[in-house]
Amino acid sequence: MANPENPEFLPEFFSPVALDKAFRLLNHGPTVLVSSQHGDSVNVMAAAWSCPLDFSPPKVMVVIDKASYTRTLVEASGRFALNVPTRAMAALTLGVGSDSASDVKDKLRKHHVETFTPTPDAVPLVHGCVGWLACTVIPEPHNQSQYDLFIGEVTAAYADSRVFNAGRWCFDGRSDDLRTLHYVSGGQFLVTGESLLISG
């Protein structure tokens, strides 16, 4: 749920990411949480199908089903955010991906989702994640209608400095609960593993 008492509260390790490095937040293919807002309505859904699209300006793609309440908010506002959840958030991620706000009116409260806004006019972001990309929709009516495919220009990017710094993910030596998720099916996730650096 949102935090109306202190909507500008930022997570402890919340750090800006240069836009020319924003694509790296998604380059390893994590499951994301799509957050959106129109008026007073805020929603969060899970999406397994998202990816970087371009470097400059940075762009992303995400599939948002027509039946989802998030789709209604994104189309109305022209904005969304992609949030990169962690292993510690696996149950939350599955929950907001399984329940629809159209059917479960207290969906965010039910799954203990807390949001924050880094600036007063920003799209709400999800607490507990390790990466965040705020996006403005680039209208592509055919793609949106035919394929449920949304393209967004990244206008701001942030990451948890414990696991992303100098433009790179660095999970090794950190808590496993901070590793990102990759959804398979039937409630099964894979978790980002150890890094392998090949030089030369």
Protein backbone atom coordinates (compact mmCIF):
# COMPACT_ATOMS: atom_id res chain seq x y z
CA MET A 1 0.00 0.00 0.00
CA ALA A 2 1.07 3.59 -0.40
CA ASN A 3 2.59 5.50 2.48
CA PRO A 4 0.47 8.67 2.67
CA GLU A 5 2.06 9.84 5.92
CA ASN A 6 5.48 10.19 4.28
CA PRO A 7 5.12 9.73 0.51
CA GLU A 8 8.61 11.08 -0.20
CA PHE A 9 10.40 8.58 2.07
CA LEU A 10 13.25 6.96 0.16
CA PRO A 11 14.82 3.55 0.81
CA GLU A 12 18.16 3.69 2.58
CA PHE A 13 20.32 2.60 -0.37
CA PHE A 14 18.26 4.33 -3.12
CA SER A 15 20.70 5.86 -5.63
CA PRO A 16 20.32 7.45 -9.08
CA VAL A 17 21.53 5.52 -12.11
CA ALA A 18 22.87 7.37 -15.15
CA LEU A 19 20.37 7.06 -17.99
CA ASP A 20 23.02 5.67 -20.34
CA LYS A 21 23.38 2.73 -17.92
CA ALA A 22 19.66 2.25 -17.25
CA PHE A 23 19.40 -0.65 -19.69
CA ARG A 24 21.67 -2.70 -17.43
CA LEU A 25 18.99 -2.82 -14.76
CA LEU A 26 17.00 -5.13 -17.08
CA ASN A 27 19.71 -6.68 -19.21
CA HIS A 28 19.81 -9.90 -17.18
CA GLY A 29 16.11 -10.54 -17.76
CA PRO A 30 14.51 -10.16 -14.32
CA THR A 31 10.83 -10.37 -13.56
CA VAL A 32 9.57 -6.84 -12.88
CA LEU A 33 6.76 -5.15 -10.99
CA VAL A 34 4.89 -2.61 -13.10
CA SER A 35 3.61 0.29 -11.01
CA SER A 36 1.17 2.88 -12.28
CA GLN A 37 -1.07 5.69 -11.11
CA HIS A 38 -3.91 7.77 -12.47
CA GLY A 39 -5.53 10.24 -10.14
CA ASP A 40 -5.74 8.61 -6.73
CA SER A 41 -5.63 5.07 -8.10
CA VAL A 42 -2.33 3.19 -7.72
CA ASN A 43 -1.65 -0.37 -8.80
CA VAL A 44 1.23 -2.83 -9.04
CA MET A 45 1.36 -5.98 -11.20
CA ALA A 46 4.08 -8.48 -12.02
CA ALA A 47 5.41 -8.91 -15.55
CA ALA A 48 7.80 -11.59 -16.77
CA TRP A 49 8.04 -10.14 -20.29
CA SER A 50 10.04 -6.90 -20.32
CA CYS A 51 13.39 -5.87 -21.76
CA PRO A 52 15.59 -2.93 -22.77
CA LEU A 53 14.99 -1.61 -26.27
CA ASP A 54 17.36 1.31 -26.89
CA PHE A 55 20.26 3.24 -25.37
CA SER A 56 19.78 6.91 -26.21
CA PRO A 57 17.27 7.92 -25.18
CA PRO A 58 16.85 4.73 -23.14
CA LYS A 59 13.70 2.79 -23.93
CA VAL A 60 12.09 -0.38 -22.59
CA MET A 61 9.33 -2.75 -23.65
CA VAL A 62 6.80 -4.50 -21.45
CA VAL A 63 3.72 -6.63 -22.11
CA ILE A 64 0.64 -5.43 -20.19
CA ASP A 65 -2.49 -7.49 -20.75
CA LYS A 66 -5.73 -5.78 -21.77
CA ALA A 67 -7.55 -7.37 -18.86
CA SER A 68 -5.28 -5.85 -16.21
CA TYR A 69 -6.19 -2.81 -14.14
CA THR A 70 -2.62 -1.59 -14.62
CA ARG A 71 -3.34 -1.35 -18.35
CA THR A 72 -6.22 1.05 -17.61
CA LEU A 73 -3.99 3.26 -15.45
CA VAL A 74 -1.07 3.26 -17.90
CA GLU A 75 -3.28 4.17 -20.85
CA ALA A 76 -4.95 6.94 -18.86
CA SER A 77 -1.75 8.45 -17.44
CA GLY A 78 0.80 7.69 -20.16
CA ARG A 79 3.33 6.62 -17.54
CA PHE A 80 4.52 3.54 -15.68
CA ALA A 81 7.55 2.31 -13.71
CA LEU A 82 9.41 -0.98 -13.86
CA ASN A 83 10.58 -2.13 -10.42
CA VAL A 84 13.07 -5.00 -10.01
CA PRO A 85 12.02 -7.18 -7.04
CA THR A 86 14.22 -9.47 -4.96
CA ARG A 87 14.19 -13.01 -3.68
CA ALA A 88 12.80 -11.68 -0.40
CA MET A 89 9.82 -10.37 -2.42
CA ALA A 90 8.98 -13.61 -4.23
CA ALA A 91 5.64 -14.17 -2.47
CA LEU A 92 4.65 -10.53 -3.00
CA THR A 93 5.61 -10.76 -6.67
CA LEU A 94 3.59 -13.91 -7.22
CA GLY A 95 0.65 -12.39 -5.34
CA VAL A 96 0.39 -9.17 -7.32
CA GLY A 97 0.87 -11.17 -10.50
CA SER A 98 -1.93 -13.59 -9.62
CA ASP A 99 -4.53 -11.18 -8.21
CA SER A 100 -6.19 -8.46 -10.27
CA ALA A 101 -7.11 -5.15 -8.69
CA SER A 102 -10.32 -5.36 -10.72
CA ASP A 103 -11.35 -8.29 -8.52
CA VAL A 104 -9.36 -7.68 -5.31
CA LYS A 105 -10.00 -4.10 -4.29
CA ASP A 106 -7.41 -4.11 -1.49
CA LYS A 107 -4.81 -5.94 -3.57
CA LEU A 108 -1.80 -3.86 -2.50
CA ARG A 109 -2.73 -4.06 1.17
CA LYS A 110 -3.35 -7.81 0.90
CA HIS A 111 0.16 -8.39 -0.45
CA HIS A 112 1.86 -5.82 1.79
CA VAL A 113 2.96 -3.59 -1.10
CA GLU A 114 4.32 -0.24 -0.02
CA THR A 115 5.10 2.50 -2.55
CA PHE A 116 7.01 5.76 -2.46
CA THR A 117 7.62 8.67 -4.81
CA PRO A 118 11.14 10.08 -5.24
CA THR A 119 9.66 13.41 -6.40
CA PRO A 120 6.15 14.75 -5.82
CA ASP A 121 5.01 14.17 -9.42
CA ALA A 122 6.70 10.79 -9.93
CA VAL A 123 5.06 7.45 -10.64
CA PRO A 124 4.93 5.47 -7.38
CA LEU A 125 7.82 3.04 -6.97
CA VAL A 126 7.78 -0.19 -4.95
CA HIS A 127 9.67 -0.43 -1.67
CA GLY A 128 12.04 -3.37 -1.25
CA CYS A 129 13.13 -3.56 -4.88
CA VAL A 130 16.73 -3.13 -6.05
CA GLY A 131 16.09 -1.35 -9.35
CA TRP A 132 13.56 1.20 -10.57
CA LEU A 133 12.92 2.73 -14.01
CA ALA A 134 10.37 5.53 -14.42
CA CYS A 135 8.96 5.60 -17.95
CA THR A 136 6.78 7.69 -20.23
CA VAL A 137 4.74 5.77 -22.78
CA ILE A 138 5.73 6.20 -26.42
CA PRO A 139 2.34 5.74 -28.09
CA GLU A 140 2.25 2.82 -30.52
CA PRO A 141 -1.50 2.10 -30.81
CA HIS A 142 -1.12 -0.91 -33.11
CA ASN A 143 1.43 -2.65 -30.88
CA GLN A 144 -0.57 -1.88 -27.76
CA SER A 145 -3.85 -3.11 -29.23
CA GLN A 146 -2.58 -6.09 -31.21
CA TYR A 147 0.23 -7.37 -29.00
CA ASP A 148 -0.34 -5.73 -25.56
CA LEU A 149 3.18 -4.34 -26.06
CA PHE A 150 4.08 -0.99 -24.48
CA ILE A 151 7.21 1.00 -25.24
CA GLY A 152 8.41 3.48 -22.65
CA GLU A 153 11.15 6.07 -22.63
CA VAL A 154 13.08 5.89 -19.37
CA THR A 155 13.05 9.32 -17.74
CA ALA A 156 14.72 8.37 -14.44
CA ALA A 157 16.48 5.29 -13.10
CA TYR A 158 17.57 4.23 -9.63
CA ALA A 159 19.14 1.21 -7.95
CA ASP A 160 20.07 -0.18 -4.56
CA SER A 161 23.73 0.77 -4.19
CA ARG A 162 24.47 -2.41 -2.25
CA VAL A 163 24.03 -4.53 -5.38
CA PHE A 164 24.33 -2.08 -8.29
CA ASN A 165 27.15 0.41 -8.57
CA ALA A 166 29.48 1.79 -11.24
CA GLY A 167 26.79 0.82 -13.73
CA ARG A 168 26.84 -2.90 -12.90
CA TRP A 169 25.08 -5.50 -10.79
CA CYS A 170 27.28 -6.95 -8.03
CA PHE A 171 25.36 -9.67 -6.16
CA ASP A 172 28.39 -11.71 -5.15
CA GLY A 173 29.13 -11.39 -1.45
CA ARG A 174 25.74 -9.79 -0.72
CA SER A 175 22.71 -11.29 0.97
CA ASP A 176 20.92 -13.84 -1.22
CA ASP A 177 17.67 -12.05 -0.36
CA LEU A 178 18.85 -9.14 -2.55
CA ARG A 179 19.20 -11.28 -5.67
CA THR A 180 16.66 -10.70 -8.43
CA LEU A 181 13.93 -13.04 -9.67
CA HIS A 182 13.23 -14.79 -12.98
CA TYR A 183 9.76 -16.30 -13.26
CA VAL A 184 9.30 -19.72 -14.87
CA SER A 185 5.68 -20.85 -14.26
CA GLY A 186 3.42 -22.43 -11.67
CA GLY A 187 4.85 -20.37 -8.82
CA GLN A 188 8.46 -21.27 -9.66
CA PHE A 189 11.17 -18.62 -9.83
CA LEU A 190 14.84 -18.87 -10.61
CA VAL A 191 17.14 -16.55 -8.67
CA THR A 192 20.04 -14.62 -10.17
CA GLY A 193 23.20 -16.65 -9.56
CA GLU A 194 26.90 -15.95 -9.24
CA SER A 195 28.71 -13.79 -11.76
CA LEU A 196 31.22 -15.05 -14.30
CA LEU A 197 33.67 -12.46 -15.59
CA ILE A 198 35.65 -13.30 -18.71
CA SER A 199 38.33 -10.84 -19.70
CA GLY A 200 40.42 -10.61 -22.82
